[in-house]
Amino acid sequence: MSEWMKKSPLEWEDYVYKEVRVIASEKEYKGWLLTTDPVSANIVLVNFLEDGIFSVTGIMGHSVQTVETVSEGDHRVREKLMHLFTSGACKGYSPEDLEKRKSSLKKWLEKNHIPVTEQGDAQRTLCVAGVLTIDPPYASENCSSSNEIILSRIQDLIQGHLSASQ
């Protein structure tokens, strides 16, 4: 078993968001370490190319012989790596925005005679008729239910509500 495999996930975390050189199966890889799988010790490296293009390389944990830090990287690299796989449309909501969205959707559902309650410790989740939940940020993709018919209908209603309110 290699030294890499003997390390704990907390030790692997020391390498995250740093530029590293990895020797695995007699090959050398270099890039920014994005993550390490805590079970298999697999490594995900990212290399930034020109024009905002990047390459991602997966290295099997069992084949890793050595990992050494090349450079620490600054906060810009860290931010870039952290948001690498989030869509451009993904935006954060302030607590006030979430409360407005929840309140608006709840009032709209009640106006349409759909029974809705708030649940959870922080009253953040909306519960429709006891069979469907809507979590923040209260869009159609945030609905969850085992009843596919109700799920589909409520998602369609939420889509209509969001389209009308924008």
Protein backbone atom coordinates (compact mmCIF):
# COMPACT_ATOMS: atom_id res chain seq x y z
CA MET A 1 0.00 0.00 0.00
CA SER A 2 1.36 3.42 -0.97
CA GLU A 3 1.99 6.29 1.43
CA TRP A 4 -0.94 8.15 -0.19
CA MET A 5 -3.37 5.35 0.62
CA LYS A 6 -2.15 5.27 4.23
CA LYS A 7 -3.02 8.94 4.77
CA SER A 8 -6.33 9.94 6.31
CA PRO A 9 -8.92 12.16 4.58
CA LEU A 10 -7.89 14.99 6.90
CA GLU A 11 -4.32 14.70 5.68
CA TRP A 12 -5.50 14.66 2.05
CA GLU A 13 -7.45 17.83 2.72
CA ASP A 14 -4.14 19.66 3.16
CA TYR A 15 -3.57 19.28 -0.59
CA VAL A 16 -6.97 20.59 -1.74
CA TYR A 17 -6.84 23.80 -3.86
CA LYS A 18 -3.07 23.54 -4.18
CA GLU A 19 -1.00 22.90 -7.27
CA VAL A 20 0.49 19.43 -6.93
CA ARG A 21 2.71 16.98 -8.76
CA VAL A 22 1.46 13.40 -8.60
CA ILE A 23 3.46 10.32 -9.54
CA ALA A 24 1.14 7.42 -10.33
CA SER A 25 1.82 4.23 -12.29
CA GLU A 26 5.19 5.60 -13.43
CA LYS A 27 3.53 8.73 -14.91
CA GLU A 28 3.74 12.30 -13.69
CA TYR A 29 0.64 14.49 -13.42
CA LYS A 30 0.55 18.15 -12.48
CA GLY A 31 -2.45 20.33 -11.70
CA TRP A 32 -4.66 21.89 -9.05
CA LEU A 33 -6.04 19.29 -6.65
CA LEU A 34 -9.81 19.80 -6.56
CA THR A 35 -10.79 16.88 -4.35
CA THR A 36 -9.84 13.45 -3.08
CA ASP A 37 -12.36 10.67 -2.63
CA PRO A 38 -12.34 9.67 1.04
CA VAL A 39 -13.03 5.98 0.31
CA SER A 40 -10.88 5.19 -2.71
CA ALA A 41 -8.23 7.94 -2.35
CA ASN A 42 -8.84 8.87 -6.01
CA ILE A 43 -7.57 12.34 -6.91
CA VAL A 44 -9.20 14.91 -9.18
CA LEU A 45 -6.79 17.38 -10.78
CA VAL A 46 -7.77 20.49 -12.75
CA ASN A 47 -5.59 22.32 -15.26
CA PHE A 48 -6.65 25.72 -16.57
CA LEU A 49 -6.09 26.19 -20.28
CA GLU A 50 -6.61 29.36 -22.34
CA ASP A 51 -9.99 31.02 -23.00
CA GLY A 52 -11.57 29.75 -19.78
CA ILE A 53 -11.24 26.12 -20.84
CA PHE A 54 -10.05 23.60 -18.29
CA SER A 55 -9.16 19.92 -18.25
CA VAL A 56 -10.03 17.50 -15.48
CA THR A 57 -7.95 14.41 -14.73
CA GLY A 58 -8.92 11.58 -12.41
CA ILE A 59 -6.15 9.51 -10.87
CA MET A 60 -6.95 6.20 -9.22
CA GLY A 61 -5.91 6.25 -5.57
CA HIS A 62 -4.32 2.80 -5.59
CA SER A 63 -1.90 3.86 -8.34
CA VAL A 64 -0.67 7.02 -6.57
CA GLN A 65 2.93 6.74 -5.42
CA THR A 66 3.72 10.31 -4.33
CA VAL A 67 1.99 13.68 -4.08
CA GLU A 68 3.95 16.86 -3.53
CA THR A 69 2.80 20.46 -3.34
CA VAL A 70 4.18 22.68 -6.12
CA SER A 71 2.50 25.95 -5.10
CA GLU A 72 -0.09 27.11 -2.61
CA GLY A 73 -2.30 29.16 -4.91
CA ASP A 74 -4.13 32.33 -3.91
CA HIS A 75 -7.76 33.10 -3.12
CA ARG A 76 -8.58 33.68 -6.83
CA VAL A 77 -7.54 30.13 -7.75
CA ARG A 78 -9.46 28.76 -4.77
CA GLU A 79 -12.63 30.65 -5.81
CA LYS A 80 -12.23 29.49 -9.40
CA LEU A 81 -11.91 25.86 -8.30
CA MET A 82 -14.78 26.10 -5.82
CA HIS A 83 -17.18 27.37 -8.50
CA LEU A 84 -15.89 25.26 -11.37
CA PHE A 85 -18.96 23.06 -11.71
CA THR A 86 -21.71 25.48 -10.74
CA SER A 87 -23.77 26.83 -13.60
CA GLY A 88 -23.72 30.51 -14.44
CA ALA A 89 -27.42 30.64 -13.57
CA CYS A 90 -26.73 29.39 -10.06
CA LYS A 91 -26.95 32.32 -7.72
CA GLY A 92 -27.01 32.68 -4.00
CA TYR A 93 -29.99 34.12 -2.21
CA SER A 94 -29.88 36.25 0.90
CA PRO A 95 -32.04 35.13 3.83
CA GLU A 96 -34.38 38.03 3.05
CA ASP A 97 -34.73 36.95 -0.59
CA LEU A 98 -35.47 33.37 0.48
CA GLU A 99 -38.11 34.57 2.93
CA LYS A 100 -39.75 36.69 0.19
CA ARG A 101 -39.72 33.74 -2.24
CA LYS A 102 -41.17 31.39 0.36
CA SER A 103 -43.87 33.85 1.42
CA SER A 104 -44.82 34.66 -2.17
CA LEU A 105 -45.07 30.99 -3.15
CA LYS A 106 -47.01 30.08 -0.01
CA LYS A 107 -49.54 32.90 -0.58
CA TRP A 108 -49.87 31.93 -4.23
CA LEU A 109 -50.47 28.25 -3.40
CA GLU A 110 -53.06 29.21 -0.76
CA LYS A 111 -54.73 31.54 -3.24
CA ASN A 112 -55.08 28.52 -5.54
CA HIS A 113 -56.68 26.49 -2.70
CA ILE A 114 -53.67 24.23 -2.22
CA PRO A 115 -53.07 23.34 1.44
CA VAL A 116 -49.56 24.39 2.43
CA THR A 117 -47.75 24.53 5.77
CA GLU A 118 -44.25 25.38 6.92
CA GLN A 119 -42.20 22.67 8.59
CA GLY A 120 -38.78 22.03 10.06
CA ASP A 121 -36.95 23.72 12.92
CA ALA A 122 -36.41 26.95 11.03
CA GLN A 123 -39.76 26.73 9.19
CA ARG A 124 -37.80 26.82 5.90
CA THR A 125 -39.54 23.93 4.13
CA LEU A 126 -43.01 24.25 2.63
CA CYS A 127 -45.18 21.13 2.83
CA VAL A 128 -48.04 20.74 0.35
CA ALA A 129 -50.96 18.55 1.42
CA GLY A 130 -48.61 16.51 3.59
CA VAL A 131 -47.21 14.67 0.55
CA LEU A 132 -44.80 17.12 -1.10
CA THR A 133 -42.02 19.35 0.22
CA ILE A 134 -40.46 22.43 -1.31
CA ASP A 135 -37.04 23.46 -0.04
CA PRO A 136 -35.18 26.75 -0.58
CA PRO A 137 -34.86 28.47 -3.00
CA TYR A 138 -38.46 27.37 -3.69
CA ALA A 139 -38.24 26.56 -7.40
CA SER A 140 -39.82 23.60 -9.20
CA GLU A 141 -36.60 21.58 -9.01
CA ASN A 142 -36.64 21.93 -5.20
CA CYS A 143 -39.82 19.84 -4.90
CA SER A 144 -39.76 16.34 -3.50
CA SER A 145 -42.56 13.77 -3.36
CA SER A 146 -43.07 10.05 -3.82
CA ASN A 147 -46.34 10.80 -5.66
CA GLU A 148 -45.25 11.57 -9.21
CA ILE A 149 -48.62 12.97 -10.30
CA ILE A 150 -48.76 15.52 -7.49
CA LEU A 151 -45.06 16.29 -7.97
CA SER A 152 -45.54 17.03 -11.67
CA ARG A 153 -48.62 19.19 -11.13
CA ILE A 154 -47.12 21.26 -8.32
CA GLN A 155 -43.89 21.72 -10.31
CA ASP A 156 -45.94 22.99 -13.26
CA LEU A 157 -47.81 25.39 -10.96
CA ILE A 158 -44.56 26.69 -9.46
CA GLN A 159 -43.09 27.20 -12.94
CA GLY A 160 -46.15 29.25 -13.85
CA HIS A 161 -45.92 31.26 -10.65
CA LEU A 162 -42.20 32.00 -11.15
CA SER A 163 -42.76 32.97 -14.80
CA ALA A 164 -45.59 35.32 -13.85
CA SER A 165 -43.65 36.95 -11.00
CA GLN A 166 -40.56 37.72 -13.10
